[in-house]
Amino acid sequence: MKLRRRPHIIAPADITKGAQAESAFRKWLDAAVLPHIYVEQSPLTVPEPLREQIKRPDYIVGIPGVGMVAFDVKAKTIYPEGLIFDLDEVPAVRRSKVLTLCMPIERALLVSMDEPFYSAFVRAVALN
């Protein structure tokens, strides 16, 4: 039995916030002079039987010495309990009527876009 998710309605303010986050990420990549591809997000870029079942990244970035890495840019608000993700973003727990995941902020890897992209990436994937 296939699980079909109901379409996720996104508030216009959140669409704007997401577009601003993607734009900031793109500018960060441009400043790093890294090759990258924006993945167009219309439904036509996913086969019809798989629509609403798979997620697409926002960018595919060529990282020297690593290869191609996919990034799904998120514009998240930091709440007192941490970062909140919708069920369709990650494994989740119930919060009110919505299944969500809360990541305590102390477990998140904080990255400043003032830091060069490549330096931030290397620090994020370091196995120390």
N, C-alpha and C. Protein backbone atom coordinates (compact mmCIF):
# COMPACT_ATOMS: atom_id res chain seq x y z
N MET A 1 0.84 -1.18 0.00
CA MET A 1 0.00 0.00 0.00
C MET A 1 0.88 1.24 0.00
N LYS A 2 0.70 2.12 -0.95
CA LYS A 2 1.46 3.37 -1.03
C LYS A 2 0.84 4.41 -0.12
N LEU A 3 1.70 5.10 0.60
CA LEU A 3 1.26 6.19 1.45
C LEU A 3 1.28 7.46 0.64
N ARG A 4 0.15 8.11 0.48
CA ARG A 4 0.09 9.37 -0.27
C ARG A 4 -0.04 10.51 0.74
N ARG A 5 0.87 11.43 0.65
CA ARG A 5 0.79 12.61 1.52
C ARG A 5 -0.18 13.59 0.93
N ARG A 6 -0.91 14.27 1.79
CA ARG A 6 -1.79 15.31 1.26
C ARG A 6 -0.93 16.51 0.90
N PRO A 7 -1.33 17.26 -0.10
CA PRO A 7 -0.53 18.41 -0.53
C PRO A 7 -0.28 19.37 0.62
N HIS A 8 0.95 19.83 0.71
CA HIS A 8 1.36 20.74 1.77
C HIS A 8 1.10 22.18 1.30
N ILE A 9 0.23 22.88 2.01
CA ILE A 9 -0.09 24.26 1.68
C ILE A 9 0.93 25.17 2.37
N ILE A 10 1.61 26.00 1.61
CA ILE A 10 2.63 26.89 2.17
C ILE A 10 2.10 28.31 2.15
N ALA A 11 2.19 28.97 3.30
CA ALA A 11 1.73 30.36 3.42
C ALA A 11 2.58 31.27 2.55
N PRO A 12 1.99 32.30 1.93
CA PRO A 12 2.76 33.22 1.08
C PRO A 12 3.98 33.81 1.78
N ALA A 13 3.86 34.14 3.07
CA ALA A 13 5.00 34.70 3.81
C ALA A 13 6.15 33.69 3.89
N ASP A 14 5.79 32.41 4.04
CA ASP A 14 6.82 31.37 4.09
C ASP A 14 7.46 31.14 2.73
N ILE A 15 6.68 31.30 1.66
CA ILE A 15 7.24 31.20 0.30
C ILE A 15 8.28 32.29 0.10
N THR A 16 7.96 33.50 0.53
CA THR A 16 8.89 34.63 0.42
C THR A 16 10.14 34.38 1.25
N LYS A 17 9.95 33.91 2.48
CA LYS A 17 11.08 33.61 3.37
C LYS A 17 11.99 32.54 2.74
N GLY A 18 11.39 31.51 2.16
CA GLY A 18 12.16 30.45 1.52
C GLY A 18 12.93 30.95 0.31
N ALA A 19 12.29 31.81 -0.49
CA ALA A 19 12.96 32.38 -1.68
C ALA A 19 14.15 33.24 -1.25
N GLN A 20 13.99 33.98 -0.16
CA GLN A 20 15.09 34.80 0.34
C GLN A 20 16.25 33.92 0.82
N ALA A 21 15.93 32.81 1.47
CA ALA A 21 16.97 31.89 1.94
C ALA A 21 17.71 31.27 0.76
N GLU A 22 16.97 30.86 -0.27
CA GLU A 22 17.60 30.28 -1.46
C GLU A 22 18.47 31.31 -2.17
N SER A 23 18.01 32.55 -2.24
CA SER A 23 18.80 33.62 -2.86
C SER A 23 20.09 33.87 -2.08
N ALA A 24 19.99 33.90 -0.75
CA ALA A 24 21.18 34.11 0.09
C ALA A 24 22.16 32.95 -0.09
N PHE A 25 21.64 31.72 -0.18
CA PHE A 25 22.50 30.55 -0.39
C PHE A 25 23.20 30.63 -1.74
N ARG A 26 22.45 31.03 -2.78
CA ARG A 26 23.03 31.17 -4.12
C ARG A 26 24.15 32.22 -4.12
N LYS A 27 23.91 33.34 -3.46
CA LYS A 27 24.95 34.39 -3.38
C LYS A 27 26.18 33.88 -2.64
N TRP A 28 25.96 33.06 -1.61
CA TRP A 28 27.07 32.46 -0.86
C TRP A 28 27.88 31.54 -1.77
N LEU A 29 27.18 30.73 -2.57
CA LEU A 29 27.87 29.85 -3.52
C LEU A 29 28.61 30.68 -4.58
N ASP A 30 27.97 31.73 -5.09
CA ASP A 30 28.62 32.58 -6.09
C ASP A 30 29.90 33.18 -5.53
N ALA A 31 29.86 33.65 -4.28
CA ALA A 31 31.04 34.24 -3.66
C ALA A 31 32.17 33.22 -3.51
N ALA A 32 31.80 31.93 -3.36
CA ALA A 32 32.78 30.86 -3.23
C ALA A 32 33.31 30.40 -4.59
N VAL A 33 32.70 30.89 -5.67
CA VAL A 33 33.05 30.52 -7.04
C VAL A 33 33.04 28.99 -7.20
N LEU A 34 31.96 28.38 -6.68
CA LEU A 34 31.77 26.94 -6.84
C LEU A 34 30.72 26.69 -7.90
N PRO A 35 30.94 25.67 -8.75
CA PRO A 35 29.91 25.35 -9.74
C PRO A 35 28.67 24.82 -9.04
N HIS A 36 27.51 25.32 -9.44
CA HIS A 36 26.27 24.85 -8.84
C HIS A 36 25.13 24.95 -9.84
N ILE A 37 24.14 24.09 -9.61
CA ILE A 37 22.96 24.04 -10.47
C ILE A 37 21.74 24.20 -9.57
N TYR A 38 20.86 25.12 -9.93
CA TYR A 38 19.58 25.25 -9.24
C TYR A 38 18.64 24.20 -9.84
N VAL A 39 17.97 23.44 -8.99
CA VAL A 39 17.03 22.41 -9.44
C VAL A 39 15.64 23.03 -9.49
N GLU A 40 15.12 23.20 -10.68
CA GLU A 40 13.80 23.80 -10.88
C GLU A 40 12.76 22.98 -10.12
N GLN A 41 11.83 23.65 -9.44
CA GLN A 41 10.94 22.99 -8.49
C GLN A 41 9.52 22.74 -8.98
N SER A 42 9.23 22.93 -10.25
CA SER A 42 7.85 22.71 -10.71
C SER A 42 7.53 21.22 -10.70
N PRO A 43 6.24 20.87 -10.62
CA PRO A 43 5.84 19.46 -10.62
C PRO A 43 6.30 18.70 -11.87
N LEU A 44 6.52 19.42 -12.96
CA LEU A 44 6.92 18.76 -14.20
C LEU A 44 8.30 18.12 -14.12
N THR A 45 9.09 18.47 -13.10
CA THR A 45 10.44 17.90 -12.99
C THR A 45 10.46 16.59 -12.23
N VAL A 46 9.28 16.09 -11.84
CA VAL A 46 9.16 14.80 -11.15
C VAL A 46 8.16 13.95 -11.92
N PRO A 47 8.46 12.67 -12.17
CA PRO A 47 7.50 11.81 -12.85
C PRO A 47 6.16 11.79 -12.10
N GLU A 48 5.06 11.85 -12.83
CA GLU A 48 3.74 11.95 -12.22
C GLU A 48 3.48 10.91 -11.13
N PRO A 49 3.84 9.62 -11.33
CA PRO A 49 3.56 8.64 -10.26
C PRO A 49 4.34 8.91 -8.97
N LEU A 50 5.39 9.72 -9.03
CA LEU A 50 6.21 9.98 -7.85
C LEU A 50 5.95 11.34 -7.21
N ARG A 51 5.09 12.15 -7.82
CA ARG A 51 4.79 13.47 -7.26
C ARG A 51 4.23 13.32 -5.86
N GLU A 52 4.64 14.22 -4.98
CA GLU A 52 4.27 14.24 -3.57
C GLU A 52 4.83 13.05 -2.80
N GLN A 53 5.72 12.26 -3.41
CA GLN A 53 6.34 11.14 -2.71
C GLN A 53 7.84 11.33 -2.56
N ILE A 54 8.44 12.13 -3.42
CA ILE A 54 9.88 12.35 -3.31
C ILE A 54 10.17 13.84 -3.17
N LYS A 55 11.32 14.14 -2.60
CA LYS A 55 11.76 15.53 -2.42
C LYS A 55 12.91 15.79 -3.39
N ARG A 56 13.01 17.03 -3.83
CA ARG A 56 14.12 17.45 -4.68
C ARG A 56 15.00 18.39 -3.88
N PRO A 57 16.31 18.35 -4.14
CA PRO A 57 17.16 19.37 -3.52
C PRO A 57 16.95 20.69 -4.24
N ASP A 58 17.40 21.78 -3.63
CA ASP A 58 17.33 23.08 -4.29
C ASP A 58 18.56 23.32 -5.16
N TYR A 59 19.69 22.82 -4.71
CA TYR A 59 20.95 23.04 -5.43
C TYR A 59 21.78 21.76 -5.46
N ILE A 60 22.49 21.57 -6.54
CA ILE A 60 23.53 20.56 -6.62
C ILE A 60 24.83 21.33 -6.79
N VAL A 61 25.77 21.09 -5.87
CA VAL A 61 27.00 21.88 -5.81
C VAL A 61 28.20 20.98 -6.04
N GLY A 62 29.09 21.41 -6.92
CA GLY A 62 30.34 20.71 -7.15
C GLY A 62 31.37 21.18 -6.14
N ILE A 63 31.83 20.26 -5.29
CA ILE A 63 32.77 20.62 -4.23
C ILE A 63 34.10 19.94 -4.52
N PRO A 64 35.17 20.74 -4.68
CA PRO A 64 36.48 20.18 -5.01
C PRO A 64 36.91 19.08 -4.02
N GLY A 65 37.37 17.97 -4.56
CA GLY A 65 37.83 16.86 -3.74
C GLY A 65 36.72 16.00 -3.16
N VAL A 66 35.47 16.39 -3.39
CA VAL A 66 34.33 15.65 -2.84
C VAL A 66 33.44 15.14 -3.96
N GLY A 67 33.03 16.03 -4.86
CA GLY A 67 32.10 15.68 -5.93
C GLY A 67 30.84 16.51 -5.82
N MET A 68 29.75 15.99 -6.35
CA MET A 68 28.48 16.69 -6.35
C MET A 68 27.73 16.40 -5.04
N VAL A 69 27.24 17.48 -4.40
CA VAL A 69 26.49 17.34 -3.15
C VAL A 69 25.18 18.10 -3.33
N ALA A 70 24.06 17.47 -2.91
CA ALA A 70 22.75 18.10 -3.03
C ALA A 70 22.42 18.84 -1.73
N PHE A 71 21.83 20.02 -1.87
CA PHE A 71 21.43 20.84 -0.72
C PHE A 71 19.96 21.22 -0.86
N ASP A 72 19.21 21.01 0.21
CA ASP A 72 17.82 21.47 0.29
C ASP A 72 17.83 22.63 1.28
N VAL A 73 17.72 23.84 0.77
CA VAL A 73 17.82 25.04 1.60
C VAL A 73 16.55 25.22 2.42
N LYS A 74 16.69 25.49 3.71
CA LYS A 74 15.55 25.72 4.60
C LYS A 74 15.70 27.08 5.26
N ALA A 75 14.59 27.78 5.41
CA ALA A 75 14.55 29.04 6.15
C ALA A 75 13.81 28.74 7.44
N LYS A 76 14.54 28.50 8.49
CA LYS A 76 13.95 28.07 9.75
C LYS A 76 14.01 29.16 10.80
N THR A 77 13.00 29.19 11.64
CA THR A 77 12.97 30.06 12.80
C THR A 77 13.53 29.28 13.98
N ILE A 78 14.34 29.92 14.80
CA ILE A 78 14.86 29.26 16.00
C ILE A 78 13.87 29.53 17.13
N TYR A 79 13.19 28.47 17.57
CA TYR A 79 12.25 28.55 18.68
C TYR A 79 12.98 28.25 19.98
N PRO A 80 12.39 28.56 21.14
CA PRO A 80 13.07 28.26 22.40
C PRO A 80 13.49 26.79 22.52
N GLU A 81 12.68 25.87 21.98
CA GLU A 81 13.00 24.45 22.08
C GLU A 81 13.93 23.96 20.97
N GLY A 82 14.21 24.79 19.98
CA GLY A 82 15.12 24.41 18.91
C GLY A 82 14.54 24.67 17.54
N LEU A 83 15.00 23.92 16.55
CA LEU A 83 14.52 24.04 15.17
C LEU A 83 13.38 23.05 14.96
N ILE A 84 12.30 23.50 14.33
CA ILE A 84 11.13 22.65 14.10
C ILE A 84 11.06 22.31 12.61
N PHE A 85 10.89 21.02 12.31
CA PHE A 85 10.78 20.55 10.93
C PHE A 85 9.45 19.86 10.72
N ASP A 86 8.84 20.03 9.56
CA ASP A 86 7.60 19.33 9.22
C ASP A 86 7.90 17.86 8.95
N LEU A 87 6.88 17.03 9.07
CA LEU A 87 7.02 15.59 8.85
C LEU A 87 7.61 15.26 7.49
N ASP A 88 7.23 16.01 6.46
CA ASP A 88 7.73 15.67 5.13
C ASP A 88 9.19 16.06 4.95
N GLU A 89 9.79 16.71 5.94
CA GLU A 89 11.20 17.09 5.86
C GLU A 89 12.11 16.06 6.53
N VAL A 90 11.64 15.44 7.61
CA VAL A 90 12.46 14.51 8.40
C VAL A 90 11.55 13.58 9.21
N PRO A 91 12.11 12.51 9.84
CA PRO A 91 11.28 11.72 10.76
C PRO A 91 10.73 12.64 11.86
N ALA A 92 9.52 12.35 12.35
CA ALA A 92 8.85 13.37 13.15
C ALA A 92 8.17 12.86 14.41
N VAL A 93 7.75 13.81 15.24
CA VAL A 93 6.95 13.58 16.43
C VAL A 93 5.72 14.49 16.37
N ARG A 94 4.68 14.19 17.14
CA ARG A 94 3.45 14.99 17.08
C ARG A 94 3.60 16.28 17.88
N ARG A 95 3.21 17.40 17.25
CA ARG A 95 3.18 18.71 17.89
C ARG A 95 1.84 19.32 17.51
N SER A 96 0.92 19.38 18.46
CA SER A 96 -0.43 19.81 18.19
C SER A 96 -1.04 18.81 17.20
N LYS A 97 -1.58 19.28 16.08
CA LYS A 97 -2.17 18.38 15.09
C LYS A 97 -1.18 17.98 14.00
N VAL A 98 0.05 18.50 14.09
CA VAL A 98 1.04 18.29 13.03
C VAL A 98 2.19 17.45 13.54
N LEU A 99 2.63 16.50 12.73
CA LEU A 99 3.83 15.74 13.08
C LEU A 99 5.05 16.58 12.74
N THR A 100 5.94 16.75 13.70
CA THR A 100 7.14 17.57 13.50
C THR A 100 8.33 16.90 14.16
N LEU A 101 9.50 17.42 13.89
CA LEU A 101 10.72 17.02 14.58
C LEU A 101 11.32 18.28 15.17
N CYS A 102 11.76 18.20 16.40
CA CYS A 102 12.45 19.33 17.02
C CYS A 102 13.91 18.94 17.20
N MET A 103 14.80 19.74 16.65
CA MET A 103 16.22 19.54 16.86
C MET A 103 16.69 20.58 17.86
N PRO A 104 17.15 20.15 19.04
CA PRO A 104 17.67 21.14 19.99
C PRO A 104 18.79 21.96 19.35
N ILE A 105 18.75 23.26 19.55
CA ILE A 105 19.70 24.14 18.89
C ILE A 105 21.14 23.78 19.23
N GLU A 106 21.37 23.24 20.42
CA GLU A 106 22.75 22.88 20.78
C GLU A 106 23.28 21.70 19.96
N ARG A 107 22.40 20.96 19.28
CA ARG A 107 22.83 19.86 18.40
C ARG A 107 22.99 20.30 16.95
N ALA A 108 22.53 21.48 16.64
CA ALA A 108 22.62 21.98 15.27
C ALA A 108 24.02 22.52 15.00
N LEU A 109 24.47 22.40 13.78
CA LEU A 109 25.74 22.97 13.38
C LEU A 109 25.47 24.39 12.89
N LEU A 110 25.92 25.35 13.65
CA LEU A 110 25.70 26.74 13.28
C LEU A 110 26.72 27.15 12.23
N VAL A 111 26.23 27.74 11.16
CA VAL A 111 27.08 28.20 10.06
C VAL A 111 26.71 29.64 9.76
N SER A 112 27.71 30.46 9.64
CA SER A 112 27.48 31.85 9.26
C SER A 112 27.81 32.01 7.79
N MET A 113 26.94 32.71 7.06
CA MET A 113 27.24 32.95 5.66
C MET A 113 28.35 33.98 5.49
N ASP A 114 28.86 34.51 6.61
CA ASP A 114 30.05 35.35 6.56
C ASP A 114 31.29 34.49 6.41
N GLU A 115 31.17 33.20 6.78
CA GLU A 115 32.27 32.24 6.62
C GLU A 115 32.26 31.76 5.17
N PRO A 116 33.42 31.57 4.55
CA PRO A 116 33.42 31.04 3.17
C PRO A 116 32.72 29.68 3.11
N PHE A 117 31.96 29.44 2.04
CA PHE A 117 31.18 28.21 1.90
C PHE A 117 32.05 26.98 2.06
N TYR A 118 33.18 26.92 1.35
CA TYR A 118 34.02 25.73 1.38
C TYR A 118 34.52 25.45 2.80
N SER A 119 34.92 26.48 3.53
CA SER A 119 35.38 26.30 4.92
C SER A 119 34.25 25.76 5.79
N ALA A 120 33.05 26.30 5.64
CA ALA A 120 31.90 25.84 6.41
C ALA A 120 31.58 24.38 6.08
N PHE A 121 31.65 24.03 4.80
CA PHE A 121 31.36 22.65 4.38
C PHE A 121 32.38 21.69 4.98
N VAL A 122 33.66 22.01 4.87
CA VAL A 122 34.71 21.12 5.40
C VAL A 122 34.53 20.95 6.91
N ARG A 123 34.22 22.02 7.62
CA ARG A 123 33.99 21.93 9.07
C ARG A 123 32.77 21.07 9.37
N ALA A 124 31.73 21.18 8.56
CA ALA A 124 30.49 20.43 8.79
C ALA A 124 30.68 18.93 8.60
N VAL A 125 31.53 18.53 7.67
CA VAL A 125 31.68 17.10 7.39
C VAL A 125 32.90 16.49 8.06
N ALA A 126 33.67 17.29 8.79
CA ALA A 126 34.85 16.76 9.50
C ALA A 126 34.40 15.69 10.49
N LEU A 127 35.13 14.61 10.53
CA LEU A 127 34.76 13.49 11.40
C LEU A 127 35.54 13.53 12.72
N ASN A 128 35.67 14.69 13.33
CA ASN A 128 36.40 14.81 14.61
C ASN A 128 35.45 14.56 15.75
